[in-house]
Amino acid sequence: MKSYDVALSADIVVTLDSTLGYEMLGVGKKVLIGLGISETLSKERDHDIEHLPDEVLLTSKDYEHFKRKINQLSRLTDEIYQTCIADCRSMYVDQNPEYPPQNRIYDEIKRHLAK
């Protein structure tokens, strides 16, 4: 549980590929997700990042890009940040009783195999 304690106490959580990042996004924490910096991960996990707003997605390995994203997140008020993540926030962590996880996973696998 230490990772959750640290993440919940952080101003911004930075993660490459961890469910912890999505969980923190789900509770409204400022998150910077780096799946977009790896071409391999981006292609394999495009469904994990397709609904993320630009504000929370790293798309370059360049330090200046990272620094700019961190500074942008730091300057966002909580109200504006919550608005930015409102559409995707529940998508990654909430369960819709009308669309259970096994159906969503099934649909994602079908979509991936159709490519």
C-alpha atoms as a PDB file:
ATOM      1  CA  MET A   1       0.000   0.000   0.000  1.00  0.00           C
ATOM      2  CA  LYS A   2       2.997   2.294   0.189  1.00  0.00           C
ATOM      3  CA  SER A   3       2.767   3.075  -3.525  1.00  0.00           C
ATOM      4  CA  TYR A   4      -0.809   4.276  -3.011  1.00  0.00           C
ATOM      5  CA  ASP A   5       0.194   6.381  -0.010  1.00  0.00           C
ATOM      6  CA  VAL A   6       2.970   8.006  -2.045  1.00  0.00           C
ATOM      7  CA  ALA A   7       0.757   8.528  -5.104  1.00  0.00           C
ATOM      8  CA  LEU A   8      -2.083  10.019  -3.085  1.00  0.00           C
ATOM      9  CA  SER A   9       0.285  12.433  -1.358  1.00  0.00           C
ATOM     10  CA  ALA A  10       2.032  13.510  -4.583  1.00  0.00           C
ATOM     11  CA  ASP A  11       1.200  16.720  -6.416  1.00  0.00           C
ATOM     12  CA  ILE A  12       1.660  14.938  -9.763  1.00  0.00           C
ATOM     13  CA  VAL A  13       1.985  11.207 -10.407  1.00  0.00           C
ATOM     14  CA  VAL A  14       4.267  10.303 -13.329  1.00  0.00           C
ATOM     15  CA  THR A  15       3.981   6.796 -14.729  1.00  0.00           C
ATOM     16  CA  LEU A  16       5.056   4.984 -17.867  1.00  0.00           C
ATOM     17  CA  ASP A  17       2.734   1.992 -17.866  1.00  0.00           C
ATOM     18  CA  SER A  18       1.034   1.342 -14.561  1.00  0.00           C
ATOM     19  CA  THR A  19      -2.540   0.825 -13.482  1.00  0.00           C
ATOM     20  CA  LEU A  20      -1.685   3.034 -10.517  1.00  0.00           C
ATOM     21  CA  GLY A  21      -1.636   6.027 -12.872  1.00  0.00           C
ATOM     22  CA  TYR A  22      -5.127   5.254 -14.128  1.00  0.00           C
ATOM     23  CA  GLU A  23      -6.355   4.659 -10.592  1.00  0.00           C
ATOM     24  CA  MET A  24      -4.989   8.032  -9.517  1.00  0.00           C
ATOM     25  CA  LEU A  25      -6.589   9.622 -12.584  1.00  0.00           C
ATOM     26  CA  GLY A  26      -9.837   8.000 -11.482  1.00  0.00           C
ATOM     27  CA  VAL A  27      -9.685   9.675  -8.081  1.00  0.00           C
ATOM     28  CA  GLY A  28      -8.842  13.020  -9.674  1.00  0.00           C
ATOM     29  CA  LYS A  29      -5.090  13.270  -8.988  1.00  0.00           C
ATOM     30  CA  LYS A  30      -2.890  15.055 -11.483  1.00  0.00           C
ATOM     31  CA  VAL A  31      -1.232  12.364 -13.573  1.00  0.00           C
ATOM     32  CA  LEU A  32       1.274  12.325 -16.412  1.00  0.00           C
ATOM     33  CA  ILE A  33       1.180   9.047 -18.342  1.00  0.00           C
ATOM     34  CA  GLY A  34       4.147   8.171 -20.526  1.00  0.00           C
ATOM     35  CA  LEU A  35       2.775   5.363 -22.708  1.00  0.00           C
ATOM     36  CA  GLY A  36       2.966   7.774 -25.627  1.00  0.00           C
ATOM     37  CA  ILE A  37       6.772   8.053 -25.441  1.00  0.00           C
ATOM     38  CA  SER A  38       7.282   4.461 -26.566  1.00  0.00           C
ATOM     39  CA  GLU A  39       6.317   3.673 -30.137  1.00  0.00           C
ATOM     40  CA  THR A  40       5.976  -0.007 -29.237  1.00  0.00           C
ATOM     41  CA  LEU A  41       3.802   0.637 -26.197  1.00  0.00           C
ATOM     42  CA  SER A  42       1.775   3.253 -28.072  1.00  0.00           C
ATOM     43  CA  LYS A  43       0.914   0.757 -30.811  1.00  0.00           C
ATOM     44  CA  GLU A  44       0.273  -2.177 -28.500  1.00  0.00           C
ATOM     45  CA  ARG A  45      -1.664  -0.175 -25.943  1.00  0.00           C
ATOM     46  CA  ASP A  46      -3.318   2.505 -28.059  1.00  0.00           C
ATOM     47  CA  HIS A  47      -6.650   1.635 -26.437  1.00  0.00           C
ATOM     48  CA  ASP A  48      -5.145   2.666 -23.086  1.00  0.00           C
ATOM     49  CA  ILE A  49      -4.309   6.169 -24.251  1.00  0.00           C
ATOM     50  CA  GLU A  50      -6.887   6.974 -26.923  1.00  0.00           C
ATOM     51  CA  HIS A  51      -9.240   8.679 -24.474  1.00  0.00           C
ATOM     52  CA  LEU A  52      -6.620  10.529 -22.434  1.00  0.00           C
ATOM     53  CA  PRO A  53      -6.588  14.312 -22.781  1.00  0.00           C
ATOM     54  CA  ASP A  54      -3.400  15.896 -24.054  1.00  0.00           C
ATOM     55  CA  GLU A  55      -2.790  17.444 -20.638  1.00  0.00           C
ATOM     56  CA  VAL A  56      -1.982  14.050 -19.074  1.00  0.00           C
ATOM     57  CA  LEU A  57      -0.143  12.332 -21.934  1.00  0.00           C
ATOM     58  CA  LEU A  58       3.584  12.405 -22.595  1.00  0.00           C
ATOM     59  CA  THR A  59       4.227  11.974 -26.310  1.00  0.00           C
ATOM     60  CA  SER A  60       7.978  12.536 -26.479  1.00  0.00           C
ATOM     61  CA  LYS A  61      11.071  11.301 -24.649  1.00  0.00           C
ATOM     62  CA  ASP A  62      12.515  14.787 -24.876  1.00  0.00           C
ATOM     63  CA  TYR A  63      13.222  16.348 -21.473  1.00  0.00           C
ATOM     64  CA  GLU A  64      11.898  19.748 -22.586  1.00  0.00           C
ATOM     65  CA  HIS A  65       8.569  18.119 -23.482  1.00  0.00           C
ATOM     66  CA  PHE A  66       8.461  16.463 -20.045  1.00  0.00           C
ATOM     67  CA  LYS A  67       9.343  19.726 -18.320  1.00  0.00           C
ATOM     68  CA  ARG A  68       6.680  21.628 -20.286  1.00  0.00           C
ATOM     69  CA  LYS A  69       4.012  19.024 -19.431  1.00  0.00           C
ATOM     70  CA  ILE A  70       4.907  19.050 -15.719  1.00  0.00           C
ATOM     71  CA  ASN A  71       4.823  22.855 -15.667  1.00  0.00           C
ATOM     72  CA  GLN A  72       1.475  22.918 -17.472  1.00  0.00           C
ATOM     73  CA  LEU A  73      -0.039  20.422 -15.028  1.00  0.00           C
ATOM     74  CA  SER A  74       1.370  22.336 -12.071  1.00  0.00           C
ATOM     75  CA  ARG A  75      -0.239  25.564 -13.258  1.00  0.00           C
ATOM     76  CA  LEU A  76      -3.678  24.064 -13.902  1.00  0.00           C
ATOM     77  CA  THR A  77      -6.173  24.837 -11.194  1.00  0.00           C
ATOM     78  CA  ASP A  78      -7.932  21.822  -9.743  1.00  0.00           C
ATOM     79  CA  GLU A  79     -11.197  22.981 -11.292  1.00  0.00           C
ATOM     80  CA  ILE A  80      -9.735  23.209 -14.806  1.00  0.00           C
ATOM     81  CA  TYR A  81      -7.878  19.894 -14.405  1.00  0.00           C
ATOM     82  CA  GLN A  82     -11.062  18.121 -13.275  1.00  0.00           C
ATOM     83  CA  THR A  83     -12.814  19.499 -16.354  1.00  0.00           C
ATOM     84  CA  CYS A  84      -9.983  18.239 -18.589  1.00  0.00           C
ATOM     85  CA  ILE A  85     -10.193  14.697 -17.234  1.00  0.00           C
ATOM     86  CA  ALA A  86     -13.966  14.504 -16.730  1.00  0.00           C
ATOM     87  CA  ASP A  87     -14.700  12.553 -19.918  1.00  0.00           C
ATOM     88  CA  CYS A  88     -11.963   9.950 -19.491  1.00  0.00           C
ATOM     89  CA  ARG A  89     -11.810   9.734 -15.714  1.00  0.00           C
ATOM     90  CA  SER A  90     -14.520   7.161 -15.190  1.00  0.00           C
ATOM     91  CA  MET A  91     -13.845   5.354 -18.449  1.00  0.00           C
ATOM     92  CA  TYR A  92     -10.664   3.786 -17.141  1.00  0.00           C
ATOM     93  CA  VAL A  93     -11.729   2.791 -13.644  1.00  0.00           C
ATOM     94  CA  ASP A  94     -15.501   2.822 -13.211  1.00  0.00           C
ATOM     95  CA  GLN A  95     -17.618  -0.179 -13.945  1.00  0.00           C
ATOM     96  CA  ASN A  96     -20.769   0.354 -15.902  1.00  0.00           C
ATOM     97  CA  PRO A  97     -23.320  -2.296 -14.877  1.00  0.00           C
ATOM     98  CA  GLU A  98     -24.737  -2.148 -18.410  1.00  0.00           C
ATOM     99  CA  TYR A  99     -21.293  -2.839 -19.921  1.00  0.00           C
ATOM    100  CA  PRO A 100     -19.428  -5.243 -17.603  1.00  0.00           C
ATOM    101  CA  PRO A 101     -15.632  -5.596 -17.800  1.00  0.00           C
ATOM    102  CA  GLN A 102     -15.741  -8.981 -19.547  1.00  0.00           C
ATOM    103  CA  ASN A 103     -17.793  -7.459 -22.388  1.00  0.00           C
ATOM    104  CA  ARG A 104     -15.484  -4.469 -22.674  1.00  0.00           C
ATOM    105  CA  ILE A 105     -12.412  -6.737 -22.733  1.00  0.00           C
ATOM    106  CA  TYR A 106     -14.068  -8.954 -25.345  1.00  0.00           C
ATOM    107  CA  ASP A 107     -14.847  -5.918 -27.515  1.00  0.00           C
ATOM    108  CA  GLU A 108     -11.293  -4.571 -27.122  1.00  0.00           C
ATOM    109  CA  ILE A 109      -9.799  -7.922 -28.148  1.00  0.00           C
ATOM    110  CA  LYS A 110     -12.087  -8.114 -31.196  1.00  0.00           C
ATOM    111  CA  ARG A 111     -11.157  -4.541 -32.143  1.00  0.00           C
ATOM    112  CA  HIS A 112      -7.453  -5.287 -31.760  1.00  0.00           C
ATOM    113  CA  LEU A 113      -7.643  -8.509 -33.821  1.00  0.00           C
ATOM    114  CA  ALA A 114      -9.532  -6.706 -36.584  1.00  0.00           C
ATOM    115  CA  LYS A 115      -6.567  -4.378 -37.187  1.00  0.00           C
END
